[in-house]
Amino acid sequence: MKTRNLSKIRIYRIKCQGFSGYTDEAVSQLAFANKFPVVICATLLAIGVSLASIPILSFLLLISFLSLVLPYNPFDYLYNYGVRKVIGKPFLPPRSRQFKFACTLATLWIGLHIFLFAMGHTTAGYISGALMFCVPFLVATIDLCIPSMIYNYLFKVKIQ
């Protein structure tokens, strides 16, 4: 099935997330798959922070940590072996170094939320959580991943 290509800016932003060697059409095909785990994680983050829930944030911490050690985010397995078959999209390739870098930052930041809430610093936990929520929100809405941009800058990655 032929998919309409995304705008050039959205394609560029997705390529910045580690899909640099892909054609514009391939990036357009993978756009939904790329966002799929981000939307789930952002939702869990919003719920966990708004409830100051250490169990929910701990589950999210585990998910972000597993994203570092596995070739995929755990929710990518759900996409690759279930959702994509229903919607007729291609298999998502293993995650990039940019994604792993973003998950490293997320793991540390979620750990901070857990610490703040556990120590009774709920206002700081809410503020930190709200700030963190902005990061996946940008990925989910306009494909802009700030950690990927930081990674590409630090490691001088050229986007094709």
C-alpha atoms as a PDB file:
ATOM      1  CA  MET A   1       0.000   0.000   0.000  1.00  0.00           C
ATOM      2  CA  LYS A   2       1.388   3.376  -1.020  1.00  0.00           C
ATOM      3  CA  THR A   3       1.527   5.985   1.720  1.00  0.00           C
ATOM      4  CA  ARG A   4       1.548   9.709   1.158  1.00  0.00           C
ATOM      5  CA  ASN A   5       4.889  11.114   2.229  1.00  0.00           C
ATOM      6  CA  LEU A   6       5.044  13.395   5.223  1.00  0.00           C
ATOM      7  CA  SER A   7       6.200  16.982   4.939  1.00  0.00           C
ATOM      8  CA  LYS A   8       9.930  17.523   4.471  1.00  0.00           C
ATOM      9  CA  ILE A   9      10.290  18.996   7.961  1.00  0.00           C
ATOM     10  CA  ARG A  10       8.587  16.001   9.617  1.00  0.00           C
ATOM     11  CA  ILE A  11      10.722  13.609   7.586  1.00  0.00           C
ATOM     12  CA  TYR A  12      13.846  15.521   8.631  1.00  0.00           C
ATOM     13  CA  ARG A  13      12.809  15.414  12.291  1.00  0.00           C
ATOM     14  CA  ILE A  14      12.229  11.661  12.148  1.00  0.00           C
ATOM     15  CA  LYS A  15      15.543  11.147  10.353  1.00  0.00           C
ATOM     16  CA  CYS A  16      17.179  13.052  13.235  1.00  0.00           C
ATOM     17  CA  GLN A  17      15.866  10.301  15.511  1.00  0.00           C
ATOM     18  CA  GLY A  18      18.052   7.701  13.815  1.00  0.00           C
ATOM     19  CA  PHE A  19      16.332   7.039  10.493  1.00  0.00           C
ATOM     20  CA  SER A  20      18.876   9.044   8.523  1.00  0.00           C
ATOM     21  CA  GLY A  21      19.675   6.366   5.952  1.00  0.00           C
ATOM     22  CA  TYR A  22      16.049   5.779   5.004  1.00  0.00           C
ATOM     23  CA  THR A  23      14.142   7.113   2.002  1.00  0.00           C
ATOM     24  CA  ASP A  24      11.429   9.696   2.550  1.00  0.00           C
ATOM     25  CA  GLU A  25       8.785   7.085   1.718  1.00  0.00           C
ATOM     26  CA  ALA A  26      10.245   4.590   4.222  1.00  0.00           C
ATOM     27  CA  VAL A  27      10.337   7.279   6.923  1.00  0.00           C
ATOM     28  CA  SER A  28       6.700   8.144   6.171  1.00  0.00           C
ATOM     29  CA  GLN A  29       5.791   4.461   6.516  1.00  0.00           C
ATOM     30  CA  LEU A  30       7.585   4.217   9.890  1.00  0.00           C
ATOM     31  CA  ALA A  31       6.308   7.492  11.367  1.00  0.00           C
ATOM     32  CA  PHE A  32       3.434   5.925  13.294  1.00  0.00           C
ATOM     33  CA  ALA A  33       5.603   3.063  14.569  1.00  0.00           C
ATOM     34  CA  ASN A  34       8.205   5.562  15.745  1.00  0.00           C
ATOM     35  CA  LYS A  35       5.588   7.421  17.825  1.00  0.00           C
ATOM     36  CA  PHE A  36       3.741   4.375  19.126  1.00  0.00           C
ATOM     37  CA  PRO A  37       5.867   3.695  22.251  1.00  0.00           C
ATOM     38  CA  VAL A  38       6.362   7.410  22.874  1.00  0.00           C
ATOM     39  CA  VAL A  39       2.620   8.018  23.121  1.00  0.00           C
ATOM     40  CA  ILE A  40       2.179   5.094  25.534  1.00  0.00           C
ATOM     41  CA  CYS A  41       5.120   6.219  27.669  1.00  0.00           C
ATOM     42  CA  ALA A  42       3.943   9.846  27.677  1.00  0.00           C
ATOM     43  CA  THR A  43       0.502   8.697  28.807  1.00  0.00           C
ATOM     44  CA  LEU A  44       1.999   6.600  31.610  1.00  0.00           C
ATOM     45  CA  LEU A  45       4.198   9.543  32.593  1.00  0.00           C
ATOM     46  CA  ALA A  46       1.229  11.914  32.723  1.00  0.00           C
ATOM     47  CA  ILE A  47      -0.777   9.487  34.849  1.00  0.00           C
ATOM     48  CA  GLY A  48       2.163   8.629  37.103  1.00  0.00           C
ATOM     49  CA  VAL A  49       3.117  12.244  37.735  1.00  0.00           C
ATOM     50  CA  SER A  50      -0.423  13.560  38.132  1.00  0.00           C
ATOM     51  CA  LEU A  51      -1.132  10.849  40.745  1.00  0.00           C
ATOM     52  CA  ALA A  52       2.380  11.082  42.228  1.00  0.00           C
ATOM     53  CA  SER A  53       2.309   7.299  41.791  1.00  0.00           C
ATOM     54  CA  ILE A  54       5.614   5.634  42.577  1.00  0.00           C
ATOM     55  CA  PRO A  55       4.359   2.232  41.266  1.00  0.00           C
ATOM     56  CA  ILE A  56       3.362   3.683  37.870  1.00  0.00           C
ATOM     57  CA  LEU A  57       6.592   5.678  37.615  1.00  0.00           C
ATOM     58  CA  SER A  58       8.573   2.588  38.644  1.00  0.00           C
ATOM     59  CA  PHE A  59       6.912   0.602  35.847  1.00  0.00           C
ATOM     60  CA  LEU A  60       7.804   3.386  33.424  1.00  0.00           C
ATOM     61  CA  LEU A  61      11.370   3.397  34.763  1.00  0.00           C
ATOM     62  CA  LEU A  62      11.571  -0.327  34.010  1.00  0.00           C
ATOM     63  CA  ILE A  63      10.236   0.242  30.472  1.00  0.00           C
ATOM     64  CA  SER A  64      12.761   3.007  29.781  1.00  0.00           C
ATOM     65  CA  PHE A  65      15.604   0.924  31.229  1.00  0.00           C
ATOM     66  CA  LEU A  66      14.620  -2.097  29.122  1.00  0.00           C
ATOM     67  CA  SER A  67      14.700   0.202  26.089  1.00  0.00           C
ATOM     68  CA  LEU A  68      18.403   0.660  26.793  1.00  0.00           C
ATOM     69  CA  VAL A  69      19.304  -3.015  26.977  1.00  0.00           C
ATOM     70  CA  LEU A  70      16.916  -4.484  24.396  1.00  0.00           C
ATOM     71  CA  PRO A  71      17.045  -3.735  20.673  1.00  0.00           C
ATOM     72  CA  TYR A  72      13.529  -2.295  20.935  1.00  0.00           C
ATOM     73  CA  ASN A  73      11.366  -0.438  23.412  1.00  0.00           C
ATOM     74  CA  PRO A  74       9.078  -3.051  25.024  1.00  0.00           C
ATOM     75  CA  PHE A  75       6.073  -1.373  23.383  1.00  0.00           C
ATOM     76  CA  ASP A  76       7.778  -1.764  19.969  1.00  0.00           C
ATOM     77  CA  TYR A  77       7.292  -5.527  20.361  1.00  0.00           C
ATOM     78  CA  LEU A  78       3.571  -4.910  20.786  1.00  0.00           C
ATOM     79  CA  TYR A  79       3.649  -2.809  17.609  1.00  0.00           C
ATOM     80  CA  ASN A  80       5.821  -5.183  15.552  1.00  0.00           C
ATOM     81  CA  TYR A  81       3.984  -8.381  16.459  1.00  0.00           C
ATOM     82  CA  GLY A  82       0.434  -7.061  16.702  1.00  0.00           C
ATOM     83  CA  VAL A  83      -0.537  -3.537  15.746  1.00  0.00           C
ATOM     84  CA  ARG A  84       1.410  -3.319  12.486  1.00  0.00           C
ATOM     85  CA  LYS A  85      -0.306  -6.421  11.130  1.00  0.00           C
ATOM     86  CA  VAL A  86      -3.709  -4.853  11.731  1.00  0.00           C
ATOM     87  CA  ILE A  87      -2.826  -1.501  10.134  1.00  0.00           C
ATOM     88  CA  GLY A  88      -0.636  -2.895   7.326  1.00  0.00           C
ATOM     89  CA  LYS A  89       2.600  -1.077   8.142  1.00  0.00           C
ATOM     90  CA  PRO A  90       6.216  -2.291   7.867  1.00  0.00           C
ATOM     91  CA  PHE A  91       8.227  -3.870  10.669  1.00  0.00           C
ATOM     92  CA  LEU A  92      10.013  -1.288  12.818  1.00  0.00           C
ATOM     93  CA  PRO A  93      13.806  -1.816  12.742  1.00  0.00           C
ATOM     94  CA  PRO A  94      15.844  -1.927  15.979  1.00  0.00           C
ATOM     95  CA  ARG A  95      16.104   1.382  17.771  1.00  0.00           C
ATOM     96  CA  SER A  96      18.864   3.884  17.063  1.00  0.00           C
ATOM     97  CA  ARG A  97      21.569   5.323  19.281  1.00  0.00           C
ATOM     98  CA  GLN A  98      19.545   8.533  19.390  1.00  0.00           C
ATOM     99  CA  PHE A  99      16.574   6.633  20.823  1.00  0.00           C
ATOM    100  CA  LYS A 100      18.815   4.855  23.342  1.00  0.00           C
ATOM    101  CA  PHE A 101      20.258   8.229  24.396  1.00  0.00           C
ATOM    102  CA  ALA A 102      16.747   9.612  24.874  1.00  0.00           C
ATOM    103  CA  CYS A 103      15.832   6.561  26.958  1.00  0.00           C
ATOM    104  CA  THR A 104      18.958   7.028  29.070  1.00  0.00           C
ATOM    105  CA  LEU A 105      17.884  10.579  29.862  1.00  0.00           C
ATOM    106  CA  ALA A 106      14.317   9.410  30.498  1.00  0.00           C
ATOM    107  CA  THR A 107      15.494   6.677  32.878  1.00  0.00           C
ATOM    108  CA  LEU A 108      17.479   9.183  34.911  1.00  0.00           C
ATOM    109  CA  TRP A 109      14.695  11.753  34.898  1.00  0.00           C
ATOM    110  CA  ILE A 110      12.015   9.244  35.912  1.00  0.00           C
ATOM    111  CA  GLY A 111      14.315   8.129  38.713  1.00  0.00           C
ATOM    112  CA  LEU A 112      14.385  11.750  39.855  1.00  0.00           C
ATOM    113  CA  HIS A 113      10.555  11.889  39.887  1.00  0.00           C
ATOM    114  CA  ILE A 114      10.401   8.738  41.991  1.00  0.00           C
ATOM    115  CA  PHE A 115      12.964  10.158  44.401  1.00  0.00           C
ATOM    116  CA  LEU A 116      11.155  13.490  44.700  1.00  0.00           C
ATOM    117  CA  PHE A 117       7.780  11.904  45.353  1.00  0.00           C
ATOM    118  CA  ALA A 118       9.250   9.339  47.769  1.00  0.00           C
ATOM    119  CA  MET A 119      10.929  12.120  49.773  1.00  0.00           C
ATOM    120  CA  GLY A 120       7.705  14.124  49.942  1.00  0.00           C
ATOM    121  CA  HIS A 121       8.806  16.860  47.534  1.00  0.00           C
ATOM    122  CA  THR A 122       5.582  16.640  45.558  1.00  0.00           C
ATOM    123  CA  THR A 123       5.674  20.166  44.131  1.00  0.00           C
ATOM    124  CA  ALA A 124       9.157  19.565  42.738  1.00  0.00           C
ATOM    125  CA  GLY A 125       7.980  16.181  41.426  1.00  0.00           C
ATOM    126  CA  TYR A 126       5.029  17.774  39.651  1.00  0.00           C
ATOM    127  CA  ILE A 127       7.198  20.524  38.132  1.00  0.00           C
ATOM    128  CA  SER A 128       9.894  18.088  37.024  1.00  0.00           C
ATOM    129  CA  GLY A 129       7.247  15.739  35.624  1.00  0.00           C
ATOM    130  CA  ALA A 130       5.498  18.513  33.727  1.00  0.00           C
ATOM    131  CA  LEU A 131       8.790  19.606  32.200  1.00  0.00           C
ATOM    132  CA  MET A 132       9.639  16.043  31.240  1.00  0.00           C
ATOM    133  CA  PHE A 133       6.200  15.516  29.697  1.00  0.00           C
ATOM    134  CA  CYS A 134       7.000  18.257  27.169  1.00  0.00           C
ATOM    135  CA  VAL A 135       9.705  16.066  25.599  1.00  0.00           C
ATOM    136  CA  PRO A 136       7.565  13.079  24.494  1.00  0.00           C
ATOM    137  CA  PHE A 137       4.673  15.443  23.764  1.00  0.00           C
ATOM    138  CA  LEU A 138       6.806  17.150  21.091  1.00  0.00           C
ATOM    139  CA  VAL A 139       7.730  13.775  19.588  1.00  0.00           C
ATOM    140  CA  ALA A 140       4.112  12.615  19.612  1.00  0.00           C
ATOM    141  CA  THR A 141       2.747  15.785  18.033  1.00  0.00           C
ATOM    142  CA  ILE A 142       5.374  17.245  15.690  1.00  0.00           C
ATOM    143  CA  ASP A 143       8.086  14.527  15.608  1.00  0.00           C
ATOM    144  CA  LEU A 144      10.601  16.813  17.323  1.00  0.00           C
ATOM    145  CA  CYS A 145      12.916  14.868  19.648  1.00  0.00           C
ATOM    146  CA  ILE A 146      15.123  17.178  21.705  1.00  0.00           C
ATOM    147  CA  PRO A 147      17.332  14.349  23.092  1.00  0.00           C
ATOM    148  CA  SER A 148      18.019  13.178  19.523  1.00  0.00           C
ATOM    149  CA  MET A 149      19.035  16.701  18.549  1.00  0.00           C
ATOM    150  CA  ILE A 150      21.374  16.835  21.554  1.00  0.00           C
ATOM    151  CA  TYR A 151      22.842  13.431  20.634  1.00  0.00           C
ATOM    152  CA  ASN A 152      23.356  14.463  17.004  1.00  0.00           C
ATOM    153  CA  TYR A 153      25.061  17.681  18.111  1.00  0.00           C
ATOM    154  CA  LEU A 154      27.314  16.013  20.695  1.00  0.00           C
ATOM    155  CA  PHE A 155      28.378  13.192  18.370  1.00  0.00           C
ATOM    156  CA  LYS A 156      28.382  15.298  15.194  1.00  0.00           C
ATOM    157  CA  VAL A 157      25.857  13.089  13.384  1.00  0.00           C
ATOM    158  CA  LYS A 158      25.049  14.270   9.858  1.00  0.00           C
ATOM    159  CA  ILE A 159      21.430  13.862   8.786  1.00  0.00           C
ATOM    160  CA  GLN A 160      20.897  12.812   5.189  1.00  0.00           C
END
